[in-house]
N, C-alpha and C. Protein backbone atom coordinates (compact mmCIF):
# COMPACT_ATOMS: atom_id res chain seq x y z
N MET A 1 84.22 -5.23 -31.83
CA MET A 1 84.55 -5.08 -32.59
C MET A 1 83.30 -5.65 -33.86
N GLN A 2 83.01 -6.39 -33.65
CA GLN A 2 83.16 -7.39 -34.83
C GLN A 2 81.53 -6.35 -35.29
N ASP A 3 80.86 -5.67 -34.45
CA ASP A 3 79.69 -4.77 -34.66
C ASP A 3 80.50 -3.66 -35.61
N PHE A 4 81.86 -3.35 -35.52
CA PHE A 4 82.15 -2.03 -35.86
C PHE A 4 82.35 -2.45 -37.39
N ASP A 5 82.89 -3.38 -37.81
CA ASP A 5 83.13 -4.66 -38.83
C ASP A 5 81.85 -4.10 -39.82
N ARG A 6 81.23 -4.83 -38.92
CA ARG A 6 79.58 -5.30 -39.98
C ARG A 6 79.41 -3.73 -40.42
N ARG A 7 79.62 -2.95 -39.72
CA ARG A 7 78.76 -1.61 -39.54
C ARG A 7 79.62 -0.85 -41.06
N VAL A 8 80.53 -0.63 -40.79
CA VAL A 8 81.50 -0.10 -41.78
C VAL A 8 81.98 -0.77 -42.75
N GLU A 9 81.77 -2.62 -43.15
CA GLU A 9 81.30 -2.90 -44.52
C GLU A 9 80.51 -2.96 -45.50
N SER A 10 78.92 -2.54 -43.93
CA SER A 10 78.13 -2.16 -44.94
C SER A 10 77.89 -0.91 -45.44
N LEU A 11 78.42 0.04 -45.01
CA LEU A 11 78.36 1.17 -45.33
C LEU A 11 79.03 1.63 -47.29
N LYS A 12 80.30 0.59 -46.91
CA LYS A 12 80.89 0.82 -48.38
C LYS A 12 79.46 0.20 -49.25
N ILE A 13 78.61 -0.94 -49.07
CA ILE A 13 78.17 -1.74 -49.55
C ILE A 13 76.99 -1.00 -49.71
N MET A 14 76.68 0.17 -49.45
CA MET A 14 75.37 0.74 -49.49
C MET A 14 76.26 2.12 -50.59
N ASP A 15 77.52 2.38 -49.87
CA ASP A 15 77.97 3.55 -50.90
C ASP A 15 78.01 3.04 -52.72
N ARG A 16 78.32 1.51 -52.75
CA ARG A 16 78.06 1.13 -53.87
C ARG A 16 76.79 1.26 -54.68
N ALA A 17 75.91 1.24 -53.26
CA ALA A 17 75.10 0.25 -54.28
C ALA A 17 73.87 1.80 -54.74
N MET A 18 74.68 3.62 -53.85
CA MET A 18 73.75 4.81 -53.77
C MET A 18 74.48 4.78 -55.98
N ILE A 19 75.41 4.09 -56.36
CA ILE A 19 75.97 4.66 -57.85
C ILE A 19 74.65 3.96 -58.43
N ALA A 20 74.38 2.68 -58.44
CA ALA A 20 73.42 2.12 -59.10
C ALA A 20 71.93 2.53 -58.75
N ASN A 21 72.07 2.90 -57.89
CA ASN A 21 70.62 3.71 -57.39
C ASN A 21 70.84 5.25 -58.28
N LYS A 22 71.29 5.47 -57.95
CA LYS A 22 70.95 7.65 -59.74
C LYS A 22 71.51 7.17 -60.36
N ARG A 23 71.57 5.58 -61.25
CA ARG A 23 71.19 5.31 -62.26
C ARG A 23 70.00 5.21 -62.95
N LEU A 24 69.38 4.10 -61.77
CA LEU A 24 67.92 3.47 -61.59
C LEU A 24 66.91 4.83 -61.75
N ALA A 25 67.33 6.24 -61.54
CA ALA A 25 66.73 6.96 -61.35
C ALA A 25 65.49 6.81 -60.42
N ASP A 26 65.28 6.18 -59.16
CA ASP A 26 63.92 5.72 -58.96
C ASP A 26 64.32 6.71 -57.61
N PRO A 27 63.58 7.83 -57.11
CA PRO A 27 63.38 9.06 -56.06
C PRO A 27 63.18 7.86 -54.12
N ASP A 28 62.30 7.08 -55.23
CA ASP A 28 61.85 6.32 -53.54
C ASP A 28 63.26 5.64 -53.53
N LEU A 29 64.03 4.97 -54.54
CA LEU A 29 64.78 4.44 -53.84
C LEU A 29 66.01 4.86 -53.34
N ILE A 30 66.37 6.13 -54.12
CA ILE A 30 67.00 6.60 -53.13
C ILE A 30 67.30 7.36 -52.04
N ILE A 31 65.92 7.66 -51.88
CA ILE A 31 65.55 8.29 -50.42
C ILE A 31 65.95 7.22 -49.43
N GLU A 32 65.02 5.68 -49.19
CA GLU A 32 65.20 4.81 -49.10
C GLU A 32 66.43 4.57 -48.57
N GLY A 33 67.66 4.53 -49.71
CA GLY A 33 68.90 4.18 -49.63
C GLY A 33 69.85 5.46 -48.61
N CYS A 34 69.53 6.33 -48.86
CA CYS A 34 69.72 7.19 -47.95
C CYS A 34 69.11 7.64 -46.53
N TYR A 35 68.45 6.62 -45.86
CA TYR A 35 67.76 6.93 -44.75
C TYR A 35 68.40 5.77 -44.25
N ILE A 36 68.72 4.39 -44.81
CA ILE A 36 70.11 3.25 -44.80
C ILE A 36 71.06 3.10 -43.98
N ILE A 37 71.76 4.57 -45.03
CA ILE A 37 72.80 4.99 -45.17
C ILE A 37 72.83 5.80 -43.36
N TRP A 38 72.35 6.52 -43.68
CA TRP A 38 72.05 8.01 -42.05
C TRP A 38 72.00 7.03 -40.74
N ASN A 39 71.14 5.69 -41.24
CA ASN A 39 70.63 5.34 -39.76
C ASN A 39 71.87 4.43 -39.46
N MET A 40 72.71 3.67 -40.44
CA MET A 40 73.66 2.98 -40.11
C MET A 40 74.96 3.31 -39.87
N SER A 41 74.87 4.85 -39.85
CA SER A 41 75.91 5.57 -39.12
C SER A 41 75.91 5.94 -38.38
N ILE A 42 74.50 6.17 -37.41
CA ILE A 42 74.46 6.98 -36.44
C ILE A 42 75.79 7.08 -35.00
N PRO A 43 75.88 5.86 -34.91
CA PRO A 43 76.65 4.77 -34.44
C PRO A 43 78.70 4.92 -34.94
N LEU A 44 79.01 5.67 -35.97
CA LEU A 44 79.34 5.70 -36.09
C LEU A 44 81.05 7.32 -36.36
N LEU A 45 79.57 8.11 -35.69
CA LEU A 45 79.65 9.72 -35.70
C LEU A 45 80.48 9.86 -34.48
N LYS A 46 81.70 9.73 -33.80
CA LYS A 46 82.03 9.91 -32.75
C LYS A 46 83.39 10.27 -33.88
N ALA A 47 84.00 11.31 -32.51
CA ALA A 47 85.59 12.15 -33.19
C ALA A 47 86.36 10.88 -34.36
N SER A 48 86.31 9.36 -33.69
CA SER A 48 87.18 8.69 -34.05
C SER A 48 86.61 7.76 -35.36
N THR A 49 85.41 7.50 -35.41
CA THR A 49 84.84 6.69 -35.98
C THR A 49 84.21 7.84 -37.27
N ARG A 50 84.15 8.69 -37.14
CA ARG A 50 83.94 9.72 -38.09
C ARG A 50 84.51 8.93 -39.86
N SER A 51 85.78 9.25 -40.02
CA SER A 51 85.98 8.83 -41.70
C SER A 51 85.26 7.65 -42.05
N HIS A 52 84.72 6.69 -41.76
CA HIS A 52 84.21 6.47 -41.92
C HIS A 52 82.89 6.39 -43.04
N THR A 53 82.22 7.71 -42.63
CA THR A 53 81.24 8.09 -42.59
C THR A 53 81.60 9.21 -43.98
N TYR A 54 82.23 9.37 -44.01
CA TYR A 54 82.27 10.47 -44.96
C TYR A 54 82.17 10.21 -46.57
N LYS A 55 82.20 9.29 -46.82
CA LYS A 55 82.04 8.57 -48.38
C LYS A 55 80.88 8.39 -48.45
N PRO A 56 79.99 7.60 -47.88
CA PRO A 56 78.88 7.23 -48.34
C PRO A 56 78.10 8.59 -47.84
N PHE A 57 78.39 9.94 -46.84
CA PHE A 57 77.38 10.86 -46.90
C PHE A 57 77.50 11.88 -47.99
N VAL A 58 78.50 11.73 -48.68
CA VAL A 58 78.54 12.33 -49.62
C VAL A 58 77.99 11.98 -51.13
N SER A 59 78.01 10.45 -51.09
CA SER A 59 77.12 10.07 -52.10
C SER A 59 75.55 10.06 -51.66
N ALA A 60 75.11 10.01 -50.45
CA ALA A 60 74.16 10.44 -50.28
C ALA A 60 73.10 11.79 -49.84
N ALA A 61 74.24 12.86 -50.60
CA ALA A 61 73.74 13.87 -50.32
C ALA A 61 73.77 14.58 -51.41
N THR A 62 74.64 13.35 -52.45
CA THR A 62 74.17 14.21 -54.11
C THR A 62 73.72 13.53 -54.55
N ALA A 63 73.31 11.94 -54.09
CA ALA A 63 71.77 11.84 -54.41
C ALA A 63 71.18 12.46 -54.04
N LEU A 64 70.48 12.79 -52.73
CA LEU A 64 69.41 13.69 -52.93
C LEU A 64 69.38 15.14 -53.71
N GLU A 65 70.29 15.47 -53.60
CA GLU A 65 70.56 16.98 -54.36
C GLU A 65 70.45 16.91 -55.94
N SER A 66 70.30 16.08 -56.38
CA SER A 66 70.53 15.03 -58.39
C SER A 66 68.89 15.63 -57.83
N ILE A 67 68.16 14.59 -57.02
CA ILE A 67 66.33 14.47 -57.60
C ILE A 67 65.43 15.33 -57.23
N ASN A 68 66.31 16.90 -55.79
CA ASN A 68 66.37 17.87 -55.28
C ASN A 68 64.22 16.73 -54.45
N ALA A 69 64.70 15.82 -53.85
CA ALA A 69 64.27 15.36 -52.38
C ALA A 69 64.15 16.29 -51.66
N ASN A 70 62.53 16.31 -51.53
CA ASN A 70 62.20 17.24 -50.34
C ASN A 70 62.23 17.01 -48.91
N ASP A 71 63.24 15.92 -48.27
CA ASP A 71 63.45 15.19 -47.00
C ASP A 71 64.98 15.72 -46.69
N ASN A 72 63.91 17.65 -46.67
CA ASN A 72 65.54 18.79 -45.66
C ASN A 72 65.93 18.13 -44.47
N GLN A 73 65.16 17.83 -43.37
CA GLN A 73 65.78 17.19 -42.64
C GLN A 73 66.99 16.19 -41.97
N LEU A 74 66.90 15.25 -43.75
CA LEU A 74 67.44 14.71 -44.10
C LEU A 74 68.67 15.16 -44.29
N ARG A 75 68.99 15.73 -45.62
CA ARG A 75 70.05 16.81 -46.30
C ARG A 75 70.37 17.69 -45.55
N VAL A 76 70.33 18.55 -44.13
CA VAL A 76 70.64 19.03 -43.77
C VAL A 76 71.33 18.27 -42.65
N ASN A 77 70.83 17.44 -42.05
CA ASN A 77 71.81 16.36 -41.48
C ASN A 77 73.26 16.15 -41.73
N LEU A 78 72.82 15.35 -42.96
CA LEU A 78 73.99 15.23 -43.95
C LEU A 78 75.39 16.20 -43.85
N HIS A 79 74.95 17.22 -44.09
CA HIS A 79 75.66 17.93 -44.90
C HIS A 79 75.96 18.05 -43.38
N LEU A 80 75.53 18.68 -42.59
CA LEU A 80 75.82 19.41 -40.72
C LEU A 80 77.21 18.54 -40.39
N GLU A 81 77.38 16.84 -40.82
CA GLU A 81 77.75 16.08 -39.93
C GLU A 81 79.09 16.19 -41.33
N LEU A 82 79.11 16.17 -42.61
CA LEU A 82 80.67 16.90 -43.42
C LEU A 82 80.72 18.41 -43.20
N ALA A 83 80.60 18.54 -42.76
CA ALA A 83 80.75 19.96 -42.23
C ALA A 83 81.32 19.92 -41.11
N LYS A 84 80.96 18.97 -39.86
CA LYS A 84 81.60 18.58 -38.99
C LYS A 84 82.93 17.56 -39.52
N TYR A 85 82.76 17.01 -40.07
CA TYR A 85 84.48 15.64 -40.80
C TYR A 85 85.61 16.60 -41.47
N GLU A 86 84.96 17.70 -42.06
CA GLU A 86 86.03 18.54 -42.89
C GLU A 86 86.66 19.89 -41.99
N ILE A 87 86.24 20.10 -40.93
CA ILE A 87 86.33 21.23 -39.55
C ILE A 87 87.78 20.95 -39.56
N LYS A 88 87.26 19.30 -39.05
CA LYS A 88 88.79 18.94 -38.32
C LYS A 88 89.71 18.39 -38.89
C-alpha cells in the first residue's frame, strides 16, 4: 500500500514539474520527464487505478506535442492509455 501511495504522490509531483519544464522549453528535459511519468505509471494501468494516471498523461502528451517530439512510440502509448480511460 505504501508503494501505491508513493507512486501516486510522485505522479502528482511530476505533473507539477511538467508545467515548469514547459516554461523552460528544454526538449530533453521535457522528454525525460515524460518518460519518468510513463515508467512510474505502468503499475497503475489497471482498471481500478487508471484514474491516477490521467492528469499526468495529459500533461506529458501536451508537452510532447508542444515541442513536436519525434518519440512517436511514447506519444502513441500516452494517447492510447488516455483513450482507454475516456472510454470507461
